[in-house]
Amino acid sequence: MNLFLIIIVIVAIIGALLLLYFTSVSKLNQYKERMKKAESIIEENLEKKQSIIININTSIKKVTGKKDYLKEFIAPDNFINSNIEKDLKLDEAVKLINELNSDFNDLNKDNEFNKYMKNLREIDEVLTGAKNMFNQNAVTSNGLLKTFPYNVISKISNYKIRSYYNNKTDDGD
């Protein structure tokens, strides 16, 4: 009888551990899926942003009759390894566009340029929302991965700490 009780206790412990494992993995997968969805939105909108910057560059050249100010930012992105790097690079381009807009008053009179700038602001709003969604889920997921039992599960199931997107205000803060 004593052996039977020991077997029941062992089975109960194994069952509880399995339940803990699967519920923890499920929770981590929810955060992972939310981050994946946000990354998809970010990637799609970064592509749109890059396309608009290419169009803005054409408008700038047309209005100013000058050189290709944004050449470095619209080149093929084979040197960019992540959405985070691409986002930072495109933000640099937008900062330069804003400086050029201040330097060349005729840009404000160009309807095409103004249309592209409006589209750029709309995309930046979507990007800000998607980055916030990603960051909120990454903060929670990263926090969990530092606590028991998630830290053990992360080693077993190969979950990693994720980097965050840096949200900036329009003035570069």
Protein backbone atom coordinates (compact mmCIF):
# COMPACT_ATOMS: atom_id res chain seq x y z
CA MET A 1 0.00 0.00 0.00
CA ASN A 2 2.83 2.34 0.79
CA LEU A 3 4.35 1.78 -2.69
CA PHE A 4 1.01 2.59 -4.31
CA LEU A 5 0.86 5.92 -2.44
CA ILE A 6 4.42 6.80 -3.51
CA ILE A 7 3.56 6.10 -7.16
CA ILE A 8 0.45 8.29 -6.94
CA VAL A 9 2.47 11.14 -5.40
CA ILE A 10 5.16 10.82 -8.11
CA VAL A 11 2.53 10.79 -10.88
CA ALA A 12 0.81 13.80 -9.30
CA ILE A 13 4.11 15.72 -9.12
CA ILE A 14 4.98 14.86 -12.73
CA GLY A 15 1.46 15.88 -13.79
CA ALA A 16 1.75 19.19 -11.94
CA LEU A 17 5.15 19.88 -13.51
CA LEU A 18 3.81 19.10 -16.99
CA LEU A 19 0.81 21.33 -16.39
CA LEU A 20 3.11 24.12 -15.20
CA TYR A 21 5.36 23.63 -18.24
CA PHE A 22 2.56 23.70 -20.81
CA THR A 23 0.73 26.66 -19.29
CA SER A 24 4.00 28.60 -19.09
CA VAL A 25 4.91 27.77 -22.69
CA SER A 26 1.42 28.78 -23.77
CA LYS A 27 1.78 32.13 -22.02
CA LEU A 28 5.20 32.76 -23.59
CA ASN A 29 3.82 31.80 -27.01
CA GLN A 30 1.04 34.38 -26.64
CA TYR A 31 3.60 37.14 -26.10
CA LYS A 32 5.76 35.77 -28.92
CA GLU A 33 2.81 35.81 -31.35
CA ARG A 34 1.84 39.36 -30.37
CA MET A 35 5.43 40.50 -30.94
CA LYS A 36 5.50 38.67 -34.27
CA LYS A 37 2.30 40.46 -35.36
CA ALA A 38 3.71 43.83 -34.30
CA GLU A 39 6.97 43.10 -36.13
CA SER A 40 5.02 42.28 -39.27
CA ILE A 41 3.21 45.62 -39.08
CA ILE A 42 6.50 47.40 -38.41
CA GLU A 43 8.27 45.71 -41.32
CA GLU A 44 5.43 46.50 -43.73
CA ASN A 45 5.35 50.15 -42.68
CA LEU A 46 9.12 50.53 -42.77
CA GLU A 47 8.97 49.40 -46.41
CA LYS A 48 6.27 52.01 -47.07
CA LYS A 49 8.32 54.64 -45.26
CA GLN A 50 11.38 53.85 -47.34
CA SER A 51 9.32 54.08 -50.52
CA ILE A 52 7.94 57.47 -49.48
CA ILE A 53 11.43 58.70 -48.67
CA ILE A 54 12.49 57.71 -52.20
CA ASN A 55 9.56 59.75 -53.56
CA ILE A 56 10.41 62.67 -51.28
CA ASN A 57 13.98 62.54 -52.57
CA THR A 58 12.66 62.90 -56.12
CA SER A 59 10.54 65.89 -55.04
CA ILE A 60 13.50 67.49 -53.30
CA LYS A 61 15.68 67.10 -56.38
CA LYS A 62 12.91 68.49 -58.59
CA VAL A 63 12.28 71.55 -56.40
CA THR A 64 15.88 72.34 -55.46
CA GLY A 65 17.57 71.22 -58.66
CA LYS A 66 20.34 70.01 -56.39
CA LYS A 67 22.15 66.82 -55.64
CA ASP A 68 20.79 63.60 -54.23
CA TYR A 69 20.62 64.53 -50.52
CA LEU A 70 19.07 61.24 -49.43
CA LYS A 71 21.20 58.89 -51.52
CA GLU A 72 22.67 57.17 -48.47
CA PHE A 73 19.22 56.46 -47.06
CA ILE A 74 17.53 55.07 -50.16
CA ALA A 75 20.32 52.76 -51.26
CA PRO A 76 19.61 49.03 -51.17
CA ASP A 77 19.43 47.97 -47.56
CA ASN A 78 21.74 44.96 -47.78
CA PHE A 79 23.74 46.38 -44.86
CA ILE A 80 20.73 46.58 -42.55
CA ASN A 81 20.34 43.51 -40.37
CA SER A 82 17.12 44.25 -38.53
CA ASN A 83 13.96 46.31 -38.48
CA ILE A 84 15.40 48.22 -35.55
CA GLU A 85 18.44 49.28 -37.60
CA LYS A 86 16.28 50.13 -40.59
CA ASP A 87 13.97 52.20 -38.40
CA LEU A 88 16.90 54.18 -37.02
CA LYS A 89 18.30 54.75 -40.52
CA LEU A 90 14.95 55.93 -41.86
CA ASP A 91 14.53 58.24 -38.86
CA GLU A 92 17.87 59.81 -39.79
CA ALA A 93 16.52 60.36 -43.31
CA VAL A 94 13.37 62.02 -41.96
CA LYS A 95 15.50 64.30 -39.79
CA LEU A 96 17.49 65.33 -42.88
CA ILE A 97 14.25 65.86 -44.84
CA ASN A 98 12.98 68.17 -42.09
CA GLU A 99 16.26 70.12 -42.19
CA LEU A 100 16.02 70.42 -45.99
CA ASN A 101 12.40 71.53 -45.64
CA SER A 102 13.59 74.33 -43.35
CA ASP A 103 16.42 75.29 -45.71
CA PHE A 104 14.36 75.28 -48.92
CA ASN A 105 11.09 77.22 -48.52
CA ASP A 106 9.96 76.18 -52.01
CA LEU A 107 9.49 72.61 -50.75
CA ASN A 108 6.50 73.77 -48.69
CA LYS A 109 4.86 75.00 -51.88
CA ASP A 110 5.22 71.67 -53.65
CA ASN A 111 1.94 69.72 -53.40
CA GLU A 112 3.60 66.39 -54.10
CA PHE A 113 6.16 66.94 -51.35
CA ASN A 114 3.43 67.93 -48.87
CA LYS A 115 1.40 64.83 -49.79
CA TYR A 116 4.41 62.61 -49.15
CA MET A 117 5.13 64.33 -45.85
CA LYS A 118 1.51 63.75 -44.77
CA ASN A 119 1.84 60.06 -45.72
CA LEU A 120 5.08 59.89 -43.78
CA ARG A 121 3.40 61.26 -40.63
CA GLU A 122 0.57 58.73 -40.98
CA ILE A 123 3.03 55.86 -41.31
CA ASP A 124 4.95 57.12 -38.30
CA GLU A 125 1.73 57.00 -36.25
CA VAL A 126 1.16 53.38 -37.26
CA LEU A 127 4.80 52.57 -36.51
CA THR A 128 4.57 54.19 -33.08
CA GLY A 129 1.51 52.10 -32.23
CA ALA A 130 3.10 48.88 -33.49
CA LYS A 131 6.35 49.61 -31.63
CA ASN A 132 4.40 50.27 -28.44
CA MET A 133 2.54 46.98 -28.90
CA PHE A 134 5.83 45.15 -29.49
CA ASN A 135 7.60 46.82 -26.57
CA GLN A 136 4.77 46.16 -24.10
CA ASN A 137 4.78 42.48 -24.96
CA ALA A 138 8.59 42.30 -24.98
CA VAL A 139 8.81 43.95 -21.55
CA THR A 140 6.37 41.45 -20.08
CA SER A 141 7.92 38.47 -21.86
CA ASN A 142 11.47 39.51 -20.94
CA GLY A 143 10.39 39.99 -17.33
CA LEU A 144 8.88 36.52 -17.24
CA LEU A 145 12.01 34.98 -18.74
CA LYS A 146 13.98 36.22 -15.75
CA THR A 147 11.71 34.50 -13.20
CA PHE A 148 11.03 30.92 -12.20
CA PRO A 149 9.75 28.74 -13.88
CA TYR A 150 10.07 30.72 -17.12
CA ASN A 151 13.85 30.96 -16.88
CA VAL A 152 14.07 27.16 -16.86
CA ILE A 153 11.51 26.83 -19.63
CA SER A 154 13.38 29.40 -21.74
CA LYS A 155 16.45 27.18 -21.66
CA ILE A 156 14.44 24.08 -22.56
CA SER A 157 12.31 25.72 -25.26
CA ASN A 158 14.86 28.27 -26.54
CA TYR A 159 13.02 31.50 -25.72
CA LYS A 160 15.21 34.60 -25.88
CA ILE A 161 15.22 38.09 -24.37
CA ARG A 162 14.09 40.57 -27.05
CA SER A 163 15.42 44.05 -27.84
CA TYR A 164 13.05 46.99 -27.74
CA TYR A 165 12.16 49.59 -30.35
CA ASN A 166 13.11 53.11 -29.41
CA ASN A 167 10.14 55.46 -29.77
CA LYS A 168 11.15 59.04 -30.36
CA THR A 169 9.17 62.22 -30.42
CA ASP A 170 9.16 64.41 -33.52
CA ASP A 171 11.89 66.62 -32.15
CA GLY A 172 14.29 63.69 -31.79
CA ASP A 173 13.97 63.12 -28.05
